Amino acid sequence: MELSIGLPDGLLMRLTEGNVLTLLEKDHETVRRTVDCTVLGGAPVVDMVWSHKLSAVIVAVPTLHKLFRWDPYTDDLVEFAGTGEPGRRDGKAAQAKLAATVSITEDGDGTLWLIDRDSSSLRRIDIDTDKPDGAPQVTTVVGRAGVGFADGPSETAQLDHPEDLQILYDGSIVIADTGNDAIRHLDPGSQELETVYGGGTTSAAEFEDDIELRRPVRVTVADSELWVQDDNGRHRLDLHFV
């Protein structure tokens, strides 16, 4: 798997096969430095994001049930969130429990949103820039009611082993709810989760092609369109529900 994200000043962080993290110059070809990943013990990185509030790269390592932080000033890769014991416990990042974080992204306010696959939950990390270390706090938004399939208020809504999320242009969140064969949508303002396609419900959204959604694993925003990847391929989803 190859994964890359843009950093300030045009730099690029790239993850290549063999779990090699490399920082590249503005030409995206010249290597500035290679990050020492021995702290991971060979465990694979599956996603990463640049945190503007922390000025650091946050990487998700699901098999360790932890998030790690790469600081461009110290060049160290260190533990950031999760005790390493799988679970769903909120609170300070270092004391929180994660359960196979497989997707992480940042919204326009600098909040980090993540999918914990094994606890079937959508969670967020709030960062306080008035404090020296950011005092990151983990909160479960959807998933407190356990695994299942239910729309409604985030306190009682349910997911089933989701794999991915994306932030839309209006700040709302789309989730690939893999176990429910569904695409779900969360409005952070109302804190209401709804099914927009699949899951055996009447869908509010439509694919360009009439398909049966089967185990969606990726949702991607490109050119103001939402693309969904599942066992049937890659499909464009109408966004009129936003």
C-alpha atoms as a PDB file:
ATOM      1  CA  MET A   1       0.000   0.000   0.000  1.00  0.00           C
ATOM      2  CA  GLU A   2       1.213   3.512  -0.790  1.00  0.00           C
ATOM      3  CA  LEU A   3      -0.201   6.498   1.073  1.00  0.00           C
ATOM      4  CA  SER A   4       0.835  10.145   0.942  1.00  0.00           C
ATOM      5  CA  ILE A   5      -0.250  13.468   2.442  1.00  0.00           C
ATOM      6  CA  GLY A   6       0.769  17.049   1.761  1.00  0.00           C
ATOM      7  CA  LEU A   7       2.567  18.995   4.488  1.00  0.00           C
ATOM      8  CA  PRO A   8       3.143  22.744   4.880  1.00  0.00           C
ATOM      9  CA  ASP A   9       5.621  24.403   2.499  1.00  0.00           C
ATOM     10  CA  GLY A  10       4.808  21.866  -0.201  1.00  0.00           C
ATOM     11  CA  LEU A  11       6.554  18.940   1.471  1.00  0.00           C
ATOM     12  CA  LEU A  12       5.151  15.427   1.125  1.00  0.00           C
ATOM     13  CA  MET A  13       4.997  12.545   3.585  1.00  0.00           C
ATOM     14  CA  ARG A  14       4.808   9.162   1.882  1.00  0.00           C
ATOM     15  CA  LEU A  15       4.260   5.680   3.241  1.00  0.00           C
ATOM     16  CA  THR A  16       5.466   2.896   0.986  1.00  0.00           C
ATOM     17  CA  GLU A  17       5.561  -0.890   1.149  1.00  0.00           C
ATOM     18  CA  GLY A  18       7.611  -2.164   4.026  1.00  0.00           C
ATOM     19  CA  ASN A  19       6.156   0.492   6.348  1.00  0.00           C
ATOM     20  CA  VAL A  20       8.685   3.128   5.252  1.00  0.00           C
ATOM     21  CA  LEU A  21       7.742   6.734   6.074  1.00  0.00           C
ATOM     22  CA  THR A  22       9.637   9.237   3.955  1.00  0.00           C
ATOM     23  CA  LEU A  23       9.585  13.040   3.933  1.00  0.00           C
ATOM     24  CA  LEU A  24      10.045  14.424   0.420  1.00  0.00           C
ATOM     25  CA  GLU A  25      11.005  17.890  -0.823  1.00  0.00           C
ATOM     26  CA  LYS A  26       8.701  20.187  -2.816  1.00  0.00           C
ATOM     27  CA  ASP A  27       9.461  18.312  -6.017  1.00  0.00           C
ATOM     28  CA  HIS A  28       7.977  15.230  -4.314  1.00  0.00           C
ATOM     29  CA  GLU A  29      10.948  13.199  -5.540  1.00  0.00           C
ATOM     30  CA  THR A  30      13.964  14.297  -3.491  1.00  0.00           C
ATOM     31  CA  VAL A  31      14.177  12.612  -0.089  1.00  0.00           C
ATOM     32  CA  ARG A  32      14.663  14.998   2.811  1.00  0.00           C
ATOM     33  CA  ARG A  33      14.634  12.294   5.490  1.00  0.00           C
ATOM     34  CA  THR A  34      13.369   8.818   6.300  1.00  0.00           C
ATOM     35  CA  VAL A  35      11.470   8.401   9.564  1.00  0.00           C
ATOM     36  CA  ASP A  36      12.610   5.751  12.047  1.00  0.00           C
ATOM     37  CA  CYS A  37       9.576   3.459  12.524  1.00  0.00           C
ATOM     38  CA  THR A  38      11.169   0.868  14.799  1.00  0.00           C
ATOM     39  CA  VAL A  39       8.813   1.985  17.608  1.00  0.00           C
ATOM     40  CA  LEU A  40       6.029   0.276  15.640  1.00  0.00           C
ATOM     41  CA  GLY A  41       7.731  -3.107  15.800  1.00  0.00           C
ATOM     42  CA  GLY A  42       6.748  -3.836  12.207  1.00  0.00           C
ATOM     43  CA  ALA A  43       3.030  -3.137  12.778  1.00  0.00           C
ATOM     44  CA  PRO A  44       1.516  -1.576   9.629  1.00  0.00           C
ATOM     45  CA  VAL A  45       0.381   2.042   9.327  1.00  0.00           C
ATOM     46  CA  VAL A  46      -2.994   2.197   7.539  1.00  0.00           C
ATOM     47  CA  ASP A  47      -3.761   5.935   7.520  1.00  0.00           C
ATOM     48  CA  MET A  48      -2.236   9.275   8.422  1.00  0.00           C
ATOM     49  CA  VAL A  49      -3.171  12.951   8.548  1.00  0.00           C
ATOM     50  CA  TRP A  50      -1.455  16.282   9.100  1.00  0.00           C
ATOM     51  CA  SER A  51      -2.768  18.006  12.232  1.00  0.00           C
ATOM     52  CA  HIS A  52      -2.630  21.777  11.798  1.00  0.00           C
ATOM     53  CA  LYS A  53      -3.199  22.372  15.515  1.00  0.00           C
ATOM     54  CA  LEU A  54      -0.398  20.036  16.569  1.00  0.00           C
ATOM     55  CA  SER A  55       1.892  20.766  13.585  1.00  0.00           C
ATOM     56  CA  ALA A  56       2.524  17.048  13.361  1.00  0.00           C
ATOM     57  CA  VAL A  57       1.589  13.950  11.384  1.00  0.00           C
ATOM     58  CA  ILE A  58      -0.764  11.546  13.185  1.00  0.00           C
ATOM     59  CA  VAL A  59      -0.588   7.931  12.018  1.00  0.00           C
ATOM     60  CA  ALA A  60      -3.054   5.111  12.688  1.00  0.00           C
ATOM     61  CA  VAL A  61      -1.673   1.683  13.613  1.00  0.00           C
ATOM     62  CA  PRO A  62      -4.736  -0.540  14.160  1.00  0.00           C
ATOM     63  CA  THR A  63      -2.992  -3.746  15.204  1.00  0.00           C
ATOM     64  CA  LEU A  64      -1.394  -1.865  18.128  1.00  0.00           C
ATOM     65  CA  HIS A  65      -4.667  -0.061  18.966  1.00  0.00           C
ATOM     66  CA  LYS A  66      -2.726   3.202  19.050  1.00  0.00           C
ATOM     67  CA  LEU A  67      -2.145   6.454  17.214  1.00  0.00           C
ATOM     68  CA  PHE A  68       1.399   7.733  16.815  1.00  0.00           C
ATOM     69  CA  ARG A  69       2.696  11.270  16.265  1.00  0.00           C
ATOM     70  CA  TRP A  70       5.569  12.351  14.061  1.00  0.00           C
ATOM     71  CA  ASP A  71       7.009  15.729  15.018  1.00  0.00           C
ATOM     72  CA  PRO A  72       8.891  17.416  12.134  1.00  0.00           C
ATOM     73  CA  TYR A  73      11.046  19.373  14.602  1.00  0.00           C
ATOM     74  CA  THR A  74      12.311  16.417  16.633  1.00  0.00           C
ATOM     75  CA  ASP A  75      11.878  13.869  13.809  1.00  0.00           C
ATOM     76  CA  ASP A  76      10.634  11.346  16.369  1.00  0.00           C
ATOM     77  CA  LEU A  77       7.707   8.958  15.965  1.00  0.00           C
ATOM     78  CA  VAL A  78       6.109   8.634  19.410  1.00  0.00           C
ATOM     79  CA  GLU A  79       2.904   7.312  20.974  1.00  0.00           C
ATOM     80  CA  PHE A  80       0.054   9.805  20.831  1.00  0.00           C
ATOM     81  CA  ALA A  81      -3.220   8.103  21.798  1.00  0.00           C
ATOM     82  CA  GLY A  82      -4.318   4.719  23.083  1.00  0.00           C
ATOM     83  CA  THR A  83      -2.970   2.460  25.802  1.00  0.00           C
ATOM     84  CA  GLY A  84      -2.493  -0.494  23.480  1.00  0.00           C
ATOM     85  CA  GLU A  85      -5.304  -2.404  25.167  1.00  0.00           C
ATOM     86  CA  PRO A  86      -8.277  -2.651  22.779  1.00  0.00           C
ATOM     87  CA  GLY A  87     -11.482  -1.014  23.945  1.00  0.00           C
ATOM     88  CA  ARG A  88     -13.583   2.128  23.848  1.00  0.00           C
ATOM     89  CA  ARG A  89     -12.626   4.436  26.706  1.00  0.00           C
ATOM     90  CA  ASP A  90     -12.768   8.211  26.308  1.00  0.00           C
ATOM     91  CA  GLY A  91     -10.690  10.853  28.039  1.00  0.00           C
ATOM     92  CA  LYS A  92      -7.114  12.069  27.755  1.00  0.00           C
ATOM     93  CA  ALA A  93      -5.485  10.675  24.630  1.00  0.00           C
ATOM     94  CA  ALA A  94      -2.760   8.757  26.451  1.00  0.00           C
ATOM     95  CA  GLN A  95      -5.295   7.026  28.752  1.00  0.00           C
ATOM     96  CA  ALA A  96      -7.990   6.423  26.115  1.00  0.00           C
ATOM     97  CA  LYS A  97      -8.618   2.990  24.663  1.00  0.00           C
ATOM     98  CA  LEU A  98      -8.856   2.511  20.906  1.00  0.00           C
ATOM     99  CA  ALA A  99      -9.957  -0.549  18.971  1.00  0.00           C
ATOM    100  CA  ALA A 100      -8.307  -0.807  15.551  1.00  0.00           C
ATOM    101  CA  THR A 101      -8.365   2.770  14.254  1.00  0.00           C
ATOM    102  CA  VAL A 102      -8.448   2.353  10.462  1.00  0.00           C
ATOM    103  CA  SER A 103      -9.285   5.856   9.219  1.00  0.00           C
ATOM    104  CA  ILE A 104      -8.431   9.346  10.469  1.00  0.00           C
ATOM    105  CA  THR A 105      -9.001  12.823   9.047  1.00  0.00           C
ATOM    106  CA  GLU A 106      -9.125  16.473  10.121  1.00  0.00           C
ATOM    107  CA  ASP A 107     -12.061  18.850   9.783  1.00  0.00           C
ATOM    108  CA  GLY A 108     -11.932  22.591   9.096  1.00  0.00           C
ATOM    109  CA  ASP A 109     -11.744  23.405  12.802  1.00  0.00           C
ATOM    110  CA  GLY A 110      -8.734  21.163  13.402  1.00  0.00           C
ATOM    111  CA  THR A 111     -10.684  18.405  15.142  1.00  0.00           C
ATOM    112  CA  LEU A 112      -9.426  14.910  14.324  1.00  0.00           C
ATOM    113  CA  TRP A 113     -12.136  12.386  13.421  1.00  0.00           C
ATOM    114  CA  LEU A 114     -11.446   8.669  13.430  1.00  0.00           C
ATOM    115  CA  ILE A 115     -13.078   5.326  12.765  1.00  0.00           C
ATOM    116  CA  ASP A 116     -12.520   2.576  15.308  1.00  0.00           C
ATOM    117  CA  ARG A 117     -13.436  -0.547  13.392  1.00  0.00           C
ATOM    118  CA  ASP A 118     -13.438  -3.095  16.198  1.00  0.00           C
ATOM    119  CA  SER A 119     -15.599  -0.995  18.536  1.00  0.00           C
ATOM    120  CA  SER A 120     -17.888  -0.008  15.626  1.00  0.00           C
ATOM    121  CA  SER A 121     -17.548   3.652  16.545  1.00  0.00           C
ATOM    122  CA  LEU A 122     -16.958   7.133  15.188  1.00  0.00           C
ATOM    123  CA  ARG A 123     -14.761   9.160  17.532  1.00  0.00           C
ATOM    124  CA  ARG A 124     -13.103  12.542  17.631  1.00  0.00           C
ATOM    125  CA  ILE A 125     -10.022  14.099  19.209  1.00  0.00           C
ATOM    126  CA  ASP A 126     -10.342  17.709  20.369  1.00  0.00           C
ATOM    127  CA  ILE A 127      -7.156  19.754  20.683  1.00  0.00           C
ATOM    128  CA  ASP A 128      -6.811  22.864  22.874  1.00  0.00           C
ATOM    129  CA  THR A 129      -4.258  25.197  21.304  1.00  0.00           C
ATOM    130  CA  ASP A 130      -4.158  27.295  24.500  1.00  0.00           C
ATOM    131  CA  LYS A 131      -2.324  24.435  26.215  1.00  0.00           C
ATOM    132  CA  PRO A 132       1.332  23.592  25.438  1.00  0.00           C
ATOM    133  CA  ASP A 133       0.720  19.965  24.451  1.00  0.00           C
ATOM    134  CA  GLY A 134      -2.737  20.543  22.973  1.00  0.00           C
ATOM    135  CA  ALA A 135      -4.323  18.452  25.783  1.00  0.00           C
ATOM    136  CA  PRO A 136      -5.933  16.070  23.246  1.00  0.00           C
ATOM    137  CA  GLN A 137      -9.211  14.550  24.429  1.00  0.00           C
ATOM    138  CA  VAL A 138     -10.887  11.502  22.873  1.00  0.00           C
ATOM    139  CA  THR A 139     -14.705  11.420  22.667  1.00  0.00           C
ATOM    140  CA  THR A 140     -16.985   8.743  21.219  1.00  0.00           C
ATOM    141  CA  VAL A 141     -19.611  10.369  18.987  1.00  0.00           C
ATOM    142  CA  VAL A 142     -21.344   7.272  17.569  1.00  0.00           C
ATOM    143  CA  GLY A 143     -20.891   3.823  19.076  1.00  0.00           C
ATOM    144  CA  ARG A 144     -21.911   4.170  22.694  1.00  0.00           C
ATOM    145  CA  ALA A 145     -24.923   1.930  22.007  1.00  0.00           C
ATOM    146  CA  GLY A 146     -22.739  -0.898  20.703  1.00  0.00           C
ATOM    147  CA  VAL A 147     -22.601  -2.626  17.332  1.00  0.00           C
ATOM    148  CA  GLY A 148     -25.750  -2.718  15.198  1.00  0.00           C
ATOM    149  CA  PHE A 149     -27.749  -0.765  12.652  1.00  0.00           C
ATOM    150  CA  ALA A 150     -29.739   2.227  13.896  1.00  0.00           C
ATOM    151  CA  ASP A 151     -30.223   5.794  12.714  1.00  0.00           C
ATOM    152  CA  GLY A 152     -31.079   8.724  14.954  1.00  0.00           C
ATOM    153  CA  PRO A 153     -29.336  10.679  17.733  1.00  0.00           C
ATOM    154  CA  SER A 154     -25.640   9.900  18.050  1.00  0.00           C
ATOM    155  CA  GLU A 155     -26.128   8.564  21.588  1.00  0.00           C
ATOM    156  CA  THR A 156     -28.283   5.672  20.356  1.00  0.00           C
ATOM    157  CA  ALA A 157     -27.174   5.336  16.711  1.00  0.00           C
ATOM    158  CA  GLN A 158     -25.190   2.247  15.739  1.00  0.00           C
ATOM    159  CA  LEU A 159     -22.567   1.168  13.206  1.00  0.00           C
ATOM    160  CA  ASP A 160     -21.203  -2.256  12.280  1.00  0.00           C
ATOM    161  CA  HIS A 161     -17.432  -2.445  11.804  1.00  0.00           C
ATOM    162  CA  PRO A 162     -17.062   0.664   9.609  1.00  0.00           C
ATOM    163  CA  GLU A 163     -13.848   1.086   7.601  1.00  0.00           C
ATOM    164  CA  ASP A 164     -13.618   4.702   6.421  1.00  0.00           C
ATOM    165  CA  LEU A 165     -14.877   8.293   6.740  1.00  0.00           C
ATOM    166  CA  GLN A 166     -14.661  11.557   4.833  1.00  0.00           C
ATOM    167  CA  ILE A 167     -15.452  15.168   5.760  1.00  0.00           C
ATOM    168  CA  LEU A 168     -17.726  16.856   3.199  1.00  0.00           C
ATOM    169  CA  TYR A 169     -17.537  20.500   2.161  1.00  0.00           C
ATOM    170  CA  ASP A 170     -20.263  21.488   4.663  1.00  0.00           C
ATOM    171  CA  GLY A 171     -18.412  19.865   7.571  1.00  0.00           C
ATOM    172  CA  SER A 172     -20.673  16.831   7.760  1.00  0.00           C
ATOM    173  CA  ILE A 173     -19.276  13.306   7.819  1.00  0.00           C
ATOM    174  CA  VAL A 174     -19.832  10.331   5.523  1.00  0.00           C
ATOM    175  CA  ILE A 175     -19.034   6.840   6.816  1.00  0.00           C
ATOM    176  CA  ALA A 176     -18.457   3.578   4.956  1.00  0.00           C
ATOM    177  CA  ASP A 177     -20.458   1.316   7.266  1.00  0.00           C
ATOM    178  CA  THR A 178     -18.983  -1.929   6.022  1.00  0.00           C
ATOM    179  CA  GLY A 179     -20.837  -4.455   8.140  1.00  0.00           C
ATOM    180  CA  ASN A 180     -24.210  -2.905   7.334  1.00  0.00           C
ATOM    181  CA  ASP A 181     -23.556  -2.599   3.563  1.00  0.00           C
ATOM    182  CA  ALA A 182     -24.433   1.074   3.938  1.00  0.00           C
ATOM    183  CA  ILE A 183     -23.273   4.666   3.578  1.00  0.00           C
ATOM    184  CA  ARG A 184     -24.113   6.710   6.670  1.00  0.00           C
ATOM    185  CA  HIS A 185     -24.128  10.497   7.152  1.00  0.00           C
ATOM    186  CA  LEU A 186     -23.622  12.483  10.366  1.00  0.00           C
ATOM    187  CA  ASP A 187     -24.573  16.128  10.795  1.00  0.00           C
ATOM    188  CA  PRO A 188     -22.237  17.382  13.587  1.00  0.00           C
ATOM    189  CA  GLY A 189     -24.674  20.206  14.352  1.00  0.00           C
ATOM    190  CA  SER A 190     -27.763  18.116  14.998  1.00  0.00           C
ATOM    191  CA  GLN A 191     -25.727  15.028  15.994  1.00  0.00           C
ATOM    192  CA  GLU A 192     -28.109  12.889  13.923  1.00  0.00           C
ATOM    193  CA  LEU A 193     -26.901   9.833  12.008  1.00  0.00           C
ATOM    194  CA  GLU A 194     -28.817   8.797   8.879  1.00  0.00           C
ATOM    195  CA  THR A 195     -28.480   6.108   6.255  1.00  0.00           C
ATOM    196  CA  VAL A 196     -28.162   7.631   2.795  1.00  0.00           C
ATOM    197  CA  TYR A 197     -27.621   4.447   0.812  1.00  0.00           C
ATOM    198  CA  GLY A 198     -27.850   0.723   1.445  1.00  0.00           C
ATOM    199  CA  GLY A 199     -28.521  -1.117   4.640  1.00  0.00           C
ATOM    200  CA  GLY A 200     -31.835  -2.445   3.358  1.00  0.00           C
ATOM    201  CA  THR A 201     -33.470   0.967   3.762  1.00  0.00           C
ATOM    202  CA  THR A 202     -35.080   3.394   1.320  1.00  0.00           C
ATOM    203  CA  SER A 203     -32.097   5.455   0.228  1.00  0.00           C
ATOM    204  CA  ALA A 204     -31.979   9.251   0.091  1.00  0.00           C
ATOM    205  CA  ALA A 205     -29.011   9.149  -2.298  1.00  0.00           C
ATOM    206  CA  GLU A 206     -28.418   7.474  -5.629  1.00  0.00           C
ATOM    207  CA  PHE A 207     -25.431   5.986  -7.382  1.00  0.00           C
ATOM    208  CA  GLU A 208     -24.723   6.869 -10.987  1.00  0.00           C
ATOM    209  CA  ASP A 209     -25.263   3.171 -11.736  1.00  0.00           C
ATOM    210  CA  ASP A 210     -27.985   1.113 -10.106  1.00  0.00           C
ATOM    211  CA  ILE A 211     -25.981  -1.211  -7.834  1.00  0.00           C
ATOM    212  CA  GLU A 212     -26.364  -3.222  -4.694  1.00  0.00           C
ATOM    213  CA  LEU A 213     -23.883  -1.858  -2.181  1.00  0.00           C
ATOM    214  CA  ARG A 214     -21.746  -4.654  -0.781  1.00  0.00           C
ATOM    215  CA  ARG A 215     -19.233  -4.096   2.029  1.00  0.00           C
ATOM    216  CA  PRO A 216     -18.130  -0.516   1.299  1.00  0.00           C
ATOM    217  CA  VAL A 217     -14.561   0.061   2.475  1.00  0.00           C
ATOM    218  CA  ARG A 218     -13.591   3.494   1.092  1.00  0.00           C
ATOM    219  CA  VAL A 219     -15.309   6.856   0.681  1.00  0.00           C
ATOM    220  CA  THR A 220     -13.371   9.555  -1.186  1.00  0.00           C
ATOM    221  CA  VAL A 221     -14.213  13.150  -2.060  1.00  0.00           C
ATOM    222  CA  ALA A 222     -12.827  14.185  -5.461  1.00  0.00           C
ATOM    223  CA  ASP A 223     -13.869  17.164  -7.605  1.00  0.00           C
ATOM    224  CA  SER A 224     -16.861  17.832  -5.320  1.00  0.00           C
ATOM    225  CA  GLU A 225     -18.116  14.274  -5.838  1.00  0.00           C
ATOM    226  CA  LEU A 226     -18.260  11.341  -3.444  1.00  0.00           C
ATOM    227  CA  TRP A 227     -16.797   8.048  -4.650  1.00  0.00           C
ATOM    228  CA  VAL A 228     -17.485   4.776  -2.866  1.00  0.00           C
ATOM    229  CA  GLN A 229     -15.427   1.604  -3.211  1.00  0.00           C
ATOM    230  CA  ASP A 230     -17.024  -1.736  -2.342  1.00  0.00           C
ATOM    231  CA  ASP A 231     -16.900  -5.384  -3.437  1.00  0.00           C
ATOM    232  CA  ASN A 232     -18.666  -4.363  -6.667  1.00  0.00           C
ATOM    233  CA  GLY A 233     -16.071  -1.755  -7.652  1.00  0.00           C
ATOM    234  CA  ARG A 234     -15.909   2.042  -7.459  1.00  0.00           C
ATOM    235  CA  HIS A 235     -19.047   4.171  -7.806  1.00  0.00           C
ATOM    236  CA  ARG A 236     -20.074   7.844  -7.820  1.00  0.00           C
ATOM    237  CA  LEU A 237     -22.669   8.824  -5.244  1.00  0.00           C
ATOM    238  CA  ASP A 238     -25.090  11.712  -5.668  1.00  0.00           C
ATOM    239  CA  LEU A 239     -24.614  14.250  -2.858  1.00  0.00           C
ATOM    240  CA  HIS A 240     -28.068  15.854  -2.885  1.00  0.00           C
ATOM    241  CA  PHE A 241     -28.615  14.681   0.710  1.00  0.00           C
ATOM    242  CA  VAL A 242     -26.123  17.337   1.905  1.00  0.00           C
END
